[in-house]
Amino acid sequence: MNLLKIHKQFYFKIPSKPLTPRVYVTQHKDSSTSQNSLAADFRWSTPTTINGVITKHIVYHWTSDKNGGHKSVELPATNRHFILNGLLPNSSYHFQVSACTAVGCGEKSDAVKAKADAVNPVPKLLRVTKASIVLTEVDSGGNVSIDITTAVESVALSFLAQDDRMFWINKEGSLIEWNKNDNNQVSIRKQNQNIRKNVELMQLNRTGYDLSLDWISRTLFITEADSSGQTGSIQAYQIDQRVQTELVTGRQTIRNIVADPYRSRIYKETLSA
């Protein structure tokens, strides 16, 4: 008998089924066309019993539509997620995955279902230090972090999940943007990774205190006050048109601000001069 066959027979078996299958539905908006698109982010964890070395994964997906048919995609062994773009509204999508060794593919995972209209992006956590902003995915299969270096300490920040864009004001009064999907912000290409630069959008006239994002109107609201604390204002910045407007100014210090996108309102906390 061939020695390779003996080796496979006694030391390699098919893996058990992948664990904790889960699927997130994300929405992205093209700022140039204002069109929204939906995608499914299917994830899983390593099988309890691998029985050798995993050589690949096979993802199976299909829709509830009888005419949709079943499709399969082969992925590298290191992959633990699969993105399906172009989800159709009012449609449901199903996913399974199996892990494979040199002997063959194991049992499929439990099936999971995603409704295209039920948007549920991957939970993310923002952490701010004096020298950086860290954006971390909070997912049971392991966390993925993006570490953004900031030259000046941040005062307040906000995150637009559907565009993967981050905005903050720093202690020097600058409004800064970081955009994961804007190729114009790529400053260095190193080891197949794009290192993105932070872009200054505007310079405040006074000291910045807080900002809040209305993700429906796509407007940032920023509070600022002069050094004496006698005069404060609220600035509105439209992130797609790059237009700044002063909404309110007066003899008061406006500190905290919260935008309510559904009611098109903003709420502010003031300190009387």
Protein backbone atom coordinates (compact mmCIF):
# COMPACT_ATOMS: atom_id res chain seq x y z
CA MET A 1 0.00 0.00 0.00
CA ASN A 2 1.21 3.51 -0.81
CA LEU A 3 2.79 5.17 2.26
CA LEU A 4 0.90 8.42 1.59
CA LYS A 5 -2.40 6.50 1.60
CA ILE A 6 -1.48 4.80 4.87
CA HIS A 7 -0.58 8.19 6.38
CA LYS A 8 -3.91 9.72 5.34
CA GLN A 9 -5.89 6.68 6.47
CA PHE A 10 -4.49 6.58 9.98
CA TYR A 11 -3.67 10.20 10.74
CA PHE A 12 -6.20 12.26 8.78
CA LYS A 13 -9.96 12.17 9.02
CA ILE A 14 -12.65 14.66 8.10
CA PRO A 15 -13.24 17.53 10.58
CA SER A 16 -16.30 17.96 12.72
CA LYS A 17 -18.71 20.75 11.79
CA PRO A 18 -17.66 24.41 12.18
CA LEU A 19 -19.05 26.10 15.29
CA THR A 20 -21.07 29.23 16.09
CA PRO A 21 -22.20 30.15 12.57
CA ARG A 22 -23.59 33.69 12.53
CA VAL A 23 -24.48 36.27 9.93
CA TYR A 24 -24.59 40.05 10.01
CA VAL A 25 -26.34 42.29 7.51
CA THR A 26 -24.58 45.56 6.73
CA GLN A 27 -25.67 48.58 4.74
CA HIS A 28 -23.34 50.87 2.83
CA LYS A 29 -24.09 54.13 1.07
CA ASP A 30 -22.22 55.35 -2.00
CA SER A 31 -21.62 59.03 -1.28
CA SER A 32 -21.35 59.85 -4.99
CA THR A 33 -24.65 58.23 -6.01
CA SER A 34 -26.50 58.22 -2.64
CA GLN A 35 -27.46 54.60 -3.37
CA ASN A 36 -27.62 52.08 -0.53
CA SER A 37 -26.39 48.50 -0.88
CA LEU A 38 -26.81 45.51 1.42
CA ALA A 39 -24.34 42.72 2.17
CA ALA A 40 -24.32 39.60 4.35
CA ASP A 41 -21.24 38.93 6.50
CA PHE A 42 -21.28 35.20 7.32
CA ARG A 43 -18.85 34.04 10.02
CA TRP A 44 -17.96 30.85 11.86
CA SER A 45 -15.47 29.34 14.31
CA THR A 46 -13.03 26.43 14.01
CA PRO A 47 -14.45 22.90 14.47
CA THR A 48 -13.95 21.23 17.83
CA THR A 49 -12.19 18.31 16.15
CA ILE A 50 -10.03 19.16 13.13
CA ASN A 51 -8.56 15.68 12.49
CA GLY A 52 -5.51 16.88 10.66
CA VAL A 53 -4.86 20.12 8.80
CA ILE A 54 -7.71 22.17 7.35
CA THR A 55 -6.99 22.79 3.66
CA LYS A 56 -10.07 24.83 2.71
CA HIS A 57 -13.63 25.83 3.62
CA ILE A 58 -16.72 25.50 1.47
CA VAL A 59 -19.57 27.98 2.05
CA TYR A 60 -23.06 27.08 0.87
CA HIS A 61 -25.68 29.79 0.43
CA TRP A 62 -29.17 30.00 -1.00
CA THR A 63 -32.29 32.16 -0.85
CA SER A 64 -35.80 31.30 0.29
CA ASP A 65 -36.90 31.84 -3.30
CA LYS A 66 -37.57 28.43 -4.86
CA ASN A 67 -35.92 29.58 -8.08
CA GLY A 68 -32.79 30.85 -6.31
CA GLY A 69 -30.86 27.57 -6.25
CA HIS A 70 -28.00 26.52 -3.98
CA LYS A 71 -24.52 27.92 -4.56
CA SER A 72 -21.14 27.04 -3.08
CA VAL A 73 -17.90 28.98 -2.74
CA GLU A 74 -14.47 27.55 -1.93
CA LEU A 75 -12.38 29.63 0.48
CA PRO A 76 -8.81 29.36 1.82
CA ALA A 77 -8.18 27.47 5.06
CA THR A 78 -7.43 30.67 6.98
CA ASN A 79 -10.78 32.31 6.18
CA ARG A 80 -13.45 32.44 8.86
CA HIS A 81 -15.92 34.69 7.08
CA PHE A 82 -17.61 35.19 3.73
CA ILE A 83 -19.18 38.38 2.29
CA LEU A 84 -22.20 38.13 -0.01
CA ASN A 85 -22.84 41.48 -1.68
CA GLY A 86 -25.90 42.73 -3.51
CA LEU A 87 -28.65 41.39 -1.27
CA LEU A 88 -32.13 41.93 -2.70
CA PRO A 89 -34.77 43.70 -0.57
CA ASN A 90 -37.50 41.54 0.97
CA SER A 91 -35.35 38.43 0.56
CA SER A 92 -33.99 35.87 3.03
CA TYR A 93 -30.58 34.22 2.70
CA HIS A 94 -29.32 30.99 4.26
CA PHE A 95 -25.71 29.97 4.96
CA GLN A 96 -23.75 26.87 5.96
CA VAL A 97 -20.06 26.01 5.90
CA SER A 98 -17.92 22.87 6.05
CA ALA A 99 -14.21 22.48 6.79
CA CYS A 100 -12.04 20.17 4.65
CA THR A 101 -8.79 18.27 5.13
CA ALA A 102 -6.78 16.23 2.64
CA VAL A 103 -9.19 13.33 3.25
CA GLY A 104 -12.37 15.25 2.50
CA CYS A 105 -14.93 17.74 3.81
CA GLY A 106 -16.69 17.33 7.12
CA GLU A 107 -20.23 17.89 8.26
CA LYS A 108 -21.87 21.19 7.40
CA SER A 109 -22.44 23.71 10.17
CA ASP A 110 -25.89 24.54 11.42
CA ALA A 111 -27.73 26.73 8.93
CA VAL A 112 -28.24 30.40 9.73
CA LYS A 113 -30.66 32.84 8.13
CA ALA A 114 -30.42 36.54 7.33
CA LYS A 115 -33.21 38.85 6.26
CA ALA A 116 -31.96 41.51 3.87
CA ASP A 117 -34.13 44.23 5.42
CA ALA A 118 -33.07 43.47 9.00
CA VAL A 119 -29.78 45.36 9.17
CA ASN A 120 -27.57 44.17 12.06
CA PRO A 121 -23.92 45.17 11.55
CA VAL A 122 -21.04 43.69 13.51
CA PRO A 123 -20.90 45.42 16.93
CA LYS A 124 -17.93 47.75 17.20
CA LEU A 125 -16.21 49.44 20.12
CA LEU A 126 -14.40 52.77 19.96
CA ARG A 127 -11.57 53.40 22.42
CA VAL A 128 -9.69 56.68 22.62
CA THR A 129 -6.23 57.24 24.06
CA LYS A 130 -3.98 60.30 23.99
CA ALA A 131 -2.14 59.02 20.92
CA SER A 132 -4.66 56.88 19.05
CA ILE A 133 -8.22 55.84 18.30
CA VAL A 134 -8.89 52.10 18.27
CA LEU A 135 -11.90 50.66 16.45
CA THR A 136 -12.54 47.05 17.50
CA GLU A 137 -15.05 44.55 16.16
CA VAL A 138 -16.77 42.82 19.07
CA ASP A 139 -17.55 39.39 17.69
CA SER A 140 -17.57 35.99 19.40
CA GLY A 141 -15.15 34.58 16.83
CA GLY A 142 -12.35 36.96 17.70
CA ASN A 143 -11.86 40.70 17.59
CA VAL A 144 -10.39 42.68 14.70
CA SER A 145 -8.95 46.09 15.51
CA ILE A 146 -8.00 49.16 13.50
CA ASP A 147 -5.52 51.42 15.28
CA ILE A 148 -5.54 55.04 14.05
CA THR A 149 -2.63 57.17 15.19
CA THR A 150 -3.52 60.74 16.14
CA ALA A 151 -0.83 63.42 16.35
CA VAL A 152 -2.98 65.57 18.68
CA GLU A 153 -5.16 64.29 21.51
CA SER A 154 -8.83 63.83 20.60
CA VAL A 155 -11.65 65.64 22.41
CA ALA A 156 -14.78 64.00 20.95
CA LEU A 157 -15.51 61.59 18.11
CA SER A 158 -18.27 59.88 16.15
CA PHE A 159 -18.44 56.91 13.77
CA LEU A 160 -20.58 56.43 10.63
CA ALA A 161 -20.91 52.64 10.44
CA GLN A 162 -22.55 52.40 7.02
CA ASP A 163 -19.57 54.18 5.41
CA ASP A 164 -16.77 53.08 7.77
CA ARG A 165 -15.93 56.75 8.35
CA MET A 166 -14.75 58.29 11.60
CA PHE A 167 -14.82 61.95 12.63
CA TRP A 168 -13.25 63.68 15.61
CA ILE A 169 -12.20 67.05 16.93
CA ASN A 170 -8.84 67.49 18.63
CA LYS A 171 -7.38 69.86 21.20
CA GLU A 172 -6.07 72.16 18.45
CA GLY A 173 -9.61 72.76 17.16
CA SER A 174 -9.41 70.65 14.00
CA LEU A 175 -12.21 68.48 12.63
CA ILE A 176 -10.56 65.29 11.30
CA GLU A 177 -11.88 62.45 9.13
CA TRP A 178 -10.68 58.87 8.64
CA ASN A 179 -12.37 56.94 5.81
CA LYS A 180 -11.70 53.22 5.39
CA ASN A 181 -13.09 53.15 1.83
CA ASP A 182 -11.61 56.35 0.37
CA ASN A 183 -8.62 55.47 -1.80
CA ASN A 184 -7.68 59.16 -1.93
CA GLN A 185 -6.71 58.87 1.73
CA VAL A 186 -4.14 56.13 1.13
CA SER A 187 -0.72 57.58 1.92
CA ILE A 188 1.40 54.41 2.16
CA ARG A 189 1.04 50.96 0.61
CA LYS A 190 2.97 48.45 2.72
CA GLN A 191 2.85 44.64 2.76
CA ASN A 192 -0.47 44.57 0.86
CA GLN A 193 -2.04 46.94 3.39
CA ASN A 194 -3.20 50.49 2.72
CA ILE A 195 -2.04 52.88 5.43
CA ARG A 196 -4.55 55.74 5.45
CA LYS A 197 -3.88 59.31 6.40
CA ASN A 198 -6.17 61.43 8.56
CA VAL A 199 -7.73 64.34 6.64
CA GLU A 200 -8.48 67.73 8.22
CA LEU A 201 -11.96 68.90 7.15
CA MET A 202 -12.12 72.28 8.88
CA GLN A 203 -10.59 74.44 11.60
CA LEU A 204 -12.87 75.62 14.40
CA ASN A 205 -12.91 79.29 15.37
CA ARG A 206 -13.08 78.43 19.07
CA THR A 207 -12.31 75.51 21.40
CA GLY A 208 -14.24 72.38 20.45
CA TYR A 209 -16.11 70.47 23.16
CA ASP A 210 -18.38 67.88 21.59
CA LEU A 211 -19.80 66.56 18.32
CA SER A 212 -22.72 64.36 17.29
CA LEU A 213 -23.63 62.80 13.96
CA ASP A 214 -27.06 62.76 12.31
CA TRP A 215 -26.57 59.76 10.02
CA ILE A 216 -29.83 60.39 8.11
CA SER A 217 -29.08 63.97 7.05
CA ARG A 218 -25.35 63.09 7.16
CA THR A 219 -24.54 66.17 9.22
CA LEU A 220 -22.06 66.65 12.05
CA PHE A 221 -23.03 69.03 14.85
CA ILE A 222 -20.11 70.53 16.77
CA THR A 223 -20.11 72.62 19.94
CA GLU A 224 -17.39 75.20 20.58
CA ALA A 225 -16.66 78.10 22.91
CA ASP A 226 -14.05 80.85 23.20
CA SER A 227 -11.27 80.68 25.77
CA SER A 228 -13.12 82.93 28.21
CA GLY A 229 -16.23 80.76 28.08
CA GLN A 230 -18.36 83.84 27.38
CA THR A 231 -19.39 82.94 23.82
CA GLY A 232 -20.43 79.56 22.44
CA SER A 233 -21.80 78.23 19.17
CA ILE A 234 -23.02 75.16 17.29
CA GLN A 235 -21.54 74.41 13.89
CA ALA A 236 -23.17 72.11 11.32
CA TYR A 237 -20.94 70.31 8.83
CA GLN A 238 -22.44 68.35 5.92
CA ILE A 239 -20.00 65.50 5.44
CA ASP A 240 -20.74 64.77 1.76
CA GLN A 241 -21.01 68.35 0.48
CA ARG A 242 -18.19 69.57 2.78
CA VAL A 243 -20.27 72.61 3.74
CA GLN A 244 -20.04 74.35 7.13
CA THR A 245 -22.86 76.44 8.66
CA GLU A 246 -23.03 78.23 12.01
CA LEU A 247 -26.42 77.41 13.54
CA VAL A 248 -26.35 79.08 16.94
CA THR A 249 -24.06 81.59 18.65
CA GLY A 250 -24.48 83.58 21.85
CA ARG A 251 -23.28 84.42 25.34
CA GLN A 252 -23.34 80.88 26.66
CA THR A 253 -21.05 77.90 26.77
CA ILE A 254 -22.56 74.97 24.89
CA ARG A 255 -20.91 71.77 26.04
CA ASN A 256 -22.64 68.49 25.16
CA ILE A 257 -24.78 67.87 22.09
CA VAL A 258 -26.87 64.90 20.90
CA ALA A 259 -28.46 64.55 17.45
CA ASP A 260 -31.81 62.76 17.05
CA PRO A 261 -31.88 61.67 13.38
CA TYR A 262 -35.45 60.34 13.45
CA ARG A 263 -36.94 63.62 14.71
CA SER A 264 -34.42 65.90 12.96
CA ARG A 265 -33.60 67.53 16.31
CA ILE A 266 -30.52 68.31 18.32
CA TYR A 267 -30.31 68.52 22.12
CA LYS A 268 -27.66 70.64 23.84
CA GLU A 269 -26.36 71.26 27.33
CA THR A 270 -25.43 74.86 28.10
CA LEU A 271 -23.68 76.73 30.88
CA SER A 272 -24.88 80.30 31.28
CA ALA A 273 -22.21 82.97 31.13
